[in-house]
Amino acid sequence: MQRRWAAVRRKARALRGETRATAAIEFAGAASLLSVGLLNAVDVGYYMYQRMQVENAAQVGAQAAWKTCTQSMLPATQNCSGLNMAIAAAIHSTSLGTAVGLASGYPAEGYYCVDGSDALQSVGSLSSRPADCSAAGNASATPGDYIQVRVNYSYAPLFPGITVMSATGISSITMTSWMRLG
């Protein structure tokens, strides 16, 4: 038994002086830490790219409503027959394609005025357009017909379980865009 321990001690002493593989071991440790950082950077960048594409889809959807429906067709959700098809085609024109969808209940349209704090305030329904913006505190202004387009996209991180994007719990990206039609 003592012979075995003596042999183990001799081999351990011999390995202590060995330095040929030290650089490889240090590189392996440093590379693993750097690769985790790189994966996080790629995953966050991928999320930001997708978020920008979803925001772009909402904006081009609202612009499609403005382009498709003329003043004589307002309110657009009631009088513009090609509205929903134009919005759908526009939101699918981003690099995310048909993975971006129009949210339930949208497009939404209503009459709005700018209030005293420069925020839009709803002043009337589509069935009865108000004559002025007195409800928002500015009787000399005319209410505008605004449309909202909200889109959704299901998000999944590139490297689930490894990066910080997995820990955020983000499973979908939703963006809304407004456009004054008249």
C-alpha atoms as a PDB file:
ATOM      1  CA  MET A   1       0.000   0.000   0.000  1.00  0.00           C
ATOM      2  CA  GLN A   2       2.838   2.359   0.843  1.00  0.00           C
ATOM      3  CA  ARG A   3       4.438   1.642  -2.516  1.00  0.00           C
ATOM      4  CA  ARG A   4       1.300   2.840  -4.273  1.00  0.00           C
ATOM      5  CA  TRP A   5       1.236   6.104  -2.327  1.00  0.00           C
ATOM      6  CA  ALA A   6       4.893   6.636  -2.979  1.00  0.00           C
ATOM      7  CA  ALA A   7       4.329   6.207  -6.716  1.00  0.00           C
ATOM      8  CA  VAL A   8       1.398   8.636  -6.627  1.00  0.00           C
ATOM      9  CA  ARG A   9       3.538  11.207  -4.749  1.00  0.00           C
ATOM     10  CA  ARG A  10       6.368  10.862  -7.277  1.00  0.00           C
ATOM     11  CA  LYS A  11       3.996  11.439 -10.201  1.00  0.00           C
ATOM     12  CA  ALA A  12       2.413  14.446  -8.442  1.00  0.00           C
ATOM     13  CA  ARG A  13       5.889  15.983  -7.860  1.00  0.00           C
ATOM     14  CA  ALA A  14       6.754  15.422 -11.498  1.00  0.00           C
ATOM     15  CA  LEU A  15       3.551  17.137 -12.672  1.00  0.00           C
ATOM     16  CA  ARG A  16       4.133  20.149 -10.415  1.00  0.00           C
ATOM     17  CA  GLY A  17       7.172  21.118 -12.373  1.00  0.00           C
ATOM     18  CA  GLU A  18       5.512  20.551 -15.763  1.00  0.00           C
ATOM     19  CA  THR A  19       4.635  23.830 -17.546  1.00  0.00           C
ATOM     20  CA  ARG A  20       4.149  22.790 -21.174  1.00  0.00           C
ATOM     21  CA  ALA A  21       0.315  22.705 -21.093  1.00  0.00           C
ATOM     22  CA  THR A  22      -0.210  25.682 -18.786  1.00  0.00           C
ATOM     23  CA  ALA A  23      -0.872  28.137 -21.587  1.00  0.00           C
ATOM     24  CA  ALA A  24      -3.446  25.834 -23.164  1.00  0.00           C
ATOM     25  CA  ILE A  25      -5.300  25.445 -19.874  1.00  0.00           C
ATOM     26  CA  GLU A  26      -5.295  29.207 -19.254  1.00  0.00           C
ATOM     27  CA  PHE A  27      -6.506  29.862 -22.812  1.00  0.00           C
ATOM     28  CA  ALA A  28      -9.353  27.361 -22.430  1.00  0.00           C
ATOM     29  CA  GLY A  29     -10.556  29.119 -19.257  1.00  0.00           C
ATOM     30  CA  ALA A  30     -10.299  32.610 -20.754  1.00  0.00           C
ATOM     31  CA  ALA A  31     -11.923  31.549 -24.036  1.00  0.00           C
ATOM     32  CA  SER A  32     -14.927  30.060 -22.250  1.00  0.00           C
ATOM     33  CA  LEU A  33     -15.506  33.333 -20.371  1.00  0.00           C
ATOM     34  CA  LEU A  34     -15.099  35.379 -23.536  1.00  0.00           C
ATOM     35  CA  SER A  35     -17.460  33.150 -25.492  1.00  0.00           C
ATOM     36  CA  VAL A  36     -20.244  33.619 -22.919  1.00  0.00           C
ATOM     37  CA  GLY A  37     -19.808  37.384 -23.277  1.00  0.00           C
ATOM     38  CA  LEU A  38     -19.890  37.099 -27.056  1.00  0.00           C
ATOM     39  CA  LEU A  39     -23.066  34.994 -26.981  1.00  0.00           C
ATOM     40  CA  ASN A  40     -24.731  37.635 -24.777  1.00  0.00           C
ATOM     41  CA  ALA A  41     -23.732  40.432 -27.152  1.00  0.00           C
ATOM     42  CA  VAL A  42     -25.085  38.524 -30.151  1.00  0.00           C
ATOM     43  CA  ASP A  43     -28.367  37.673 -28.390  1.00  0.00           C
ATOM     44  CA  VAL A  44     -28.998  41.256 -27.206  1.00  0.00           C
ATOM     45  CA  GLY A  45     -28.187  42.556 -30.680  1.00  0.00           C
ATOM     46  CA  TYR A  46     -30.572  40.042 -32.239  1.00  0.00           C
ATOM     47  CA  TYR A  47     -33.356  41.131 -29.863  1.00  0.00           C
ATOM     48  CA  MET A  48     -32.774  44.819 -30.659  1.00  0.00           C
ATOM     49  CA  TYR A  49     -32.848  44.101 -34.399  1.00  0.00           C
ATOM     50  CA  GLN A  50     -36.139  42.248 -34.092  1.00  0.00           C
ATOM     51  CA  ARG A  51     -37.582  45.017 -31.897  1.00  0.00           C
ATOM     52  CA  MET A  52     -36.673  47.610 -34.544  1.00  0.00           C
ATOM     53  CA  GLN A  53     -38.282  45.477 -37.253  1.00  0.00           C
ATOM     54  CA  VAL A  54     -41.510  45.184 -35.222  1.00  0.00           C
ATOM     55  CA  GLU A  55     -41.538  48.950 -34.659  1.00  0.00           C
ATOM     56  CA  ASN A  56     -40.962  49.446 -38.384  1.00  0.00           C
ATOM     57  CA  ALA A  57     -43.860  47.082 -39.160  1.00  0.00           C
ATOM     58  CA  ALA A  58     -46.216  49.167 -37.003  1.00  0.00           C
ATOM     59  CA  GLN A  59     -45.071  52.377 -38.673  1.00  0.00           C
ATOM     60  CA  VAL A  60     -45.421  51.096 -42.237  1.00  0.00           C
ATOM     61  CA  GLY A  61     -48.851  49.701 -41.322  1.00  0.00           C
ATOM     62  CA  ALA A  62     -50.025  53.161 -40.221  1.00  0.00           C
ATOM     63  CA  GLN A  63     -48.478  54.727 -43.322  1.00  0.00           C
ATOM     64  CA  ALA A  64     -50.292  52.207 -45.514  1.00  0.00           C
ATOM     65  CA  ALA A  65     -53.583  53.309 -43.940  1.00  0.00           C
ATOM     66  CA  TRP A  66     -52.770  56.936 -44.739  1.00  0.00           C
ATOM     67  CA  LYS A  67     -51.762  56.089 -48.315  1.00  0.00           C
ATOM     68  CA  THR A  68     -54.721  53.795 -49.037  1.00  0.00           C
ATOM     69  CA  CYS A  69     -57.597  55.801 -47.574  1.00  0.00           C
ATOM     70  CA  THR A  70     -58.315  59.271 -48.947  1.00  0.00           C
ATOM     71  CA  GLN A  71     -60.034  62.094 -47.076  1.00  0.00           C
ATOM     72  CA  SER A  72     -63.357  61.213 -48.666  1.00  0.00           C
ATOM     73  CA  MET A  73     -63.147  57.695 -47.139  1.00  0.00           C
ATOM     74  CA  LEU A  74     -62.888  58.817 -43.500  1.00  0.00           C
ATOM     75  CA  PRO A  75     -63.485  57.301 -41.040  1.00  0.00           C
ATOM     76  CA  ALA A  76     -61.238  54.730 -42.671  1.00  0.00           C
ATOM     77  CA  THR A  77     -62.183  51.695 -40.565  1.00  0.00           C
ATOM     78  CA  GLN A  78     -65.786  52.122 -41.742  1.00  0.00           C
ATOM     79  CA  ASN A  79     -65.468  53.466 -45.285  1.00  0.00           C
ATOM     80  CA  CYS A  80     -62.137  52.289 -46.731  1.00  0.00           C
ATOM     81  CA  SER A  81     -62.612  48.763 -48.057  1.00  0.00           C
ATOM     82  CA  GLY A  82     -58.922  48.044 -48.753  1.00  0.00           C
ATOM     83  CA  LEU A  83     -57.665  49.241 -45.357  1.00  0.00           C
ATOM     84  CA  ASN A  84     -57.065  45.900 -43.618  1.00  0.00           C
ATOM     85  CA  MET A  85     -55.452  44.308 -46.668  1.00  0.00           C
ATOM     86  CA  ALA A  86     -53.117  47.292 -47.125  1.00  0.00           C
ATOM     87  CA  ILE A  87     -52.090  47.246 -43.464  1.00  0.00           C
ATOM     88  CA  ALA A  88     -51.516  43.459 -43.504  1.00  0.00           C
ATOM     89  CA  ALA A  89     -49.365  43.675 -46.637  1.00  0.00           C
ATOM     90  CA  ALA A  90     -47.351  46.531 -45.137  1.00  0.00           C
ATOM     91  CA  ILE A  91     -46.648  44.892 -41.763  1.00  0.00           C
ATOM     92  CA  HIS A  92     -45.534  41.703 -43.513  1.00  0.00           C
ATOM     93  CA  SER A  93     -43.065  43.655 -45.668  1.00  0.00           C
ATOM     94  CA  THR A  94     -40.343  43.734 -42.990  1.00  0.00           C
ATOM     95  CA  SER A  95     -37.620  41.114 -42.736  1.00  0.00           C
ATOM     96  CA  LEU A  96     -39.734  39.286 -40.125  1.00  0.00           C
ATOM     97  CA  GLY A  97     -42.407  38.625 -42.769  1.00  0.00           C
ATOM     98  CA  THR A  98     -45.615  36.932 -41.694  1.00  0.00           C
ATOM     99  CA  ALA A  99     -44.274  36.321 -38.173  1.00  0.00           C
ATOM    100  CA  VAL A 100     -45.492  39.858 -37.381  1.00  0.00           C
ATOM    101  CA  GLY A 101     -49.239  39.999 -36.887  1.00  0.00           C
ATOM    102  CA  LEU A 102     -51.840  42.690 -36.386  1.00  0.00           C
ATOM    103  CA  ALA A 103     -53.042  42.743 -32.768  1.00  0.00           C
ATOM    104  CA  SER A 104     -56.645  41.903 -32.013  1.00  0.00           C
ATOM    105  CA  GLY A 105     -58.923  44.940 -32.168  1.00  0.00           C
ATOM    106  CA  TYR A 106     -56.647  46.912 -34.488  1.00  0.00           C
ATOM    107  CA  PRO A 107     -56.552  49.089 -36.467  1.00  0.00           C
ATOM    108  CA  ALA A 108     -58.343  51.419 -34.066  1.00  0.00           C
ATOM    109  CA  GLU A 109     -59.568  54.837 -35.098  1.00  0.00           C
ATOM    110  CA  GLY A 110     -60.978  57.851 -33.308  1.00  0.00           C
ATOM    111  CA  TYR A 111     -61.106  61.633 -33.057  1.00  0.00           C
ATOM    112  CA  TYR A 112     -58.365  63.236 -30.979  1.00  0.00           C
ATOM    113  CA  CYS A 113     -57.223  66.707 -29.982  1.00  0.00           C
ATOM    114  CA  VAL A 114     -54.029  67.984 -28.413  1.00  0.00           C
ATOM    115  CA  ASP A 115     -54.645  68.998 -24.799  1.00  0.00           C
ATOM    116  CA  GLY A 116     -52.824  71.600 -22.670  1.00  0.00           C
ATOM    117  CA  SER A 117     -49.883  69.256 -22.005  1.00  0.00           C
ATOM    118  CA  ASP A 118     -49.374  68.470 -25.732  1.00  0.00           C
ATOM    119  CA  ALA A 119     -50.799  64.951 -25.408  1.00  0.00           C
ATOM    120  CA  LEU A 120     -53.492  63.450 -27.613  1.00  0.00           C
ATOM    121  CA  GLN A 121     -56.863  63.232 -25.924  1.00  0.00           C
ATOM    122  CA  SER A 122     -59.821  61.301 -27.276  1.00  0.00           C
ATOM    123  CA  VAL A 123     -62.723  63.677 -27.920  1.00  0.00           C
ATOM    124  CA  GLY A 124     -65.269  61.651 -29.840  1.00  0.00           C
ATOM    125  CA  SER A 125     -66.364  58.390 -31.337  1.00  0.00           C
ATOM    126  CA  LEU A 126     -66.445  57.600 -35.032  1.00  0.00           C
ATOM    127  CA  SER A 127     -70.243  57.778 -35.067  1.00  0.00           C
ATOM    128  CA  SER A 128     -70.284  61.450 -34.031  1.00  0.00           C
ATOM    129  CA  ARG A 129     -67.385  63.696 -34.961  1.00  0.00           C
ATOM    130  CA  PRO A 130     -67.092  66.611 -32.539  1.00  0.00           C
ATOM    131  CA  ALA A 131     -67.234  70.111 -34.004  1.00  0.00           C
ATOM    132  CA  ASP A 132     -64.199  71.384 -32.074  1.00  0.00           C
ATOM    133  CA  CYS A 133     -61.625  70.481 -29.426  1.00  0.00           C
ATOM    134  CA  SER A 134     -63.379  72.142 -26.477  1.00  0.00           C
ATOM    135  CA  ALA A 135     -63.300  68.793 -24.602  1.00  0.00           C
ATOM    136  CA  ALA A 136     -59.489  69.043 -24.688  1.00  0.00           C
ATOM    137  CA  GLY A 137     -59.482  72.713 -23.673  1.00  0.00           C
ATOM    138  CA  ASN A 138     -58.964  74.273 -27.115  1.00  0.00           C
ATOM    139  CA  ALA A 139     -62.277  75.274 -28.697  1.00  0.00           C
ATOM    140  CA  SER A 140     -60.547  76.914 -31.676  1.00  0.00           C
ATOM    141  CA  ALA A 141     -58.919  73.660 -32.881  1.00  0.00           C
ATOM    142  CA  THR A 142     -60.464  71.008 -35.110  1.00  0.00           C
ATOM    143  CA  PRO A 143     -60.309  67.360 -34.019  1.00  0.00           C
ATOM    144  CA  GLY A 144     -58.182  65.008 -36.082  1.00  0.00           C
ATOM    145  CA  ASP A 145     -59.003  61.517 -37.276  1.00  0.00           C
ATOM    146  CA  TYR A 146     -56.208  59.250 -35.957  1.00  0.00           C
ATOM    147  CA  ILE A 147     -55.591  55.588 -36.635  1.00  0.00           C
ATOM    148  CA  GLN A 148     -53.581  53.225 -34.440  1.00  0.00           C
ATOM    149  CA  VAL A 149     -51.846  50.117 -35.712  1.00  0.00           C
ATOM    150  CA  ARG A 150     -50.562  47.642 -33.106  1.00  0.00           C
ATOM    151  CA  VAL A 151     -48.482  44.619 -34.088  1.00  0.00           C
ATOM    152  CA  ASN A 152     -47.186  41.576 -32.195  1.00  0.00           C
ATOM    153  CA  TYR A 153     -44.209  39.278 -32.713  1.00  0.00           C
ATOM    154  CA  SER A 154     -43.312  36.128 -30.771  1.00  0.00           C
ATOM    155  CA  TYR A 155     -39.718  36.410 -29.565  1.00  0.00           C
ATOM    156  CA  ALA A 156     -37.343  33.620 -28.545  1.00  0.00           C
ATOM    157  CA  PRO A 157     -33.667  34.119 -27.618  1.00  0.00           C
ATOM    158  CA  LEU A 158     -31.030  32.599 -29.884  1.00  0.00           C
ATOM    159  CA  PHE A 159     -29.244  30.904 -26.971  1.00  0.00           C
ATOM    160  CA  PRO A 160     -31.898  29.939 -24.411  1.00  0.00           C
ATOM    161  CA  GLY A 161     -30.605  29.224 -20.925  1.00  0.00           C
ATOM    162  CA  ILE A 162     -27.183  30.747 -21.597  1.00  0.00           C
ATOM    163  CA  THR A 163     -27.676  34.481 -22.137  1.00  0.00           C
ATOM    164  CA  VAL A 164     -29.288  37.322 -20.224  1.00  0.00           C
ATOM    165  CA  MET A 165     -32.097  37.513 -22.793  1.00  0.00           C
ATOM    166  CA  SER A 166     -33.322  34.152 -21.483  1.00  0.00           C
ATOM    167  CA  ALA A 167     -33.545  35.622 -17.990  1.00  0.00           C
ATOM    168  CA  THR A 168     -35.619  38.638 -19.067  1.00  0.00           C
ATOM    169  CA  GLY A 169     -38.739  36.565 -19.677  1.00  0.00           C
ATOM    170  CA  ILE A 170     -39.547  38.462 -22.880  1.00  0.00           C
ATOM    171  CA  SER A 171     -41.700  36.225 -25.043  1.00  0.00           C
ATOM    172  CA  SER A 172     -43.290  38.768 -27.374  1.00  0.00           C
ATOM    173  CA  ILE A 173     -42.641  42.212 -28.791  1.00  0.00           C
ATOM    174  CA  THR A 174     -45.584  44.598 -29.262  1.00  0.00           C
ATOM    175  CA  MET A 175     -45.412  48.017 -30.918  1.00  0.00           C
ATOM    176  CA  THR A 176     -48.053  50.649 -31.686  1.00  0.00           C
ATOM    177  CA  SER A 177     -47.923  53.425 -34.250  1.00  0.00           C
ATOM    178  CA  TRP A 178     -50.287  56.381 -34.712  1.00  0.00           C
ATOM    179  CA  MET A 179     -51.071  58.311 -37.885  1.00  0.00           C
ATOM    180  CA  ARG A 180     -53.318  61.306 -38.440  1.00  0.00           C
ATOM    181  CA  LEU A 181     -55.540  60.588 -41.422  1.00  0.00           C
ATOM    182  CA  GLY A 182     -57.564  63.781 -41.497  1.00  0.00           C
END
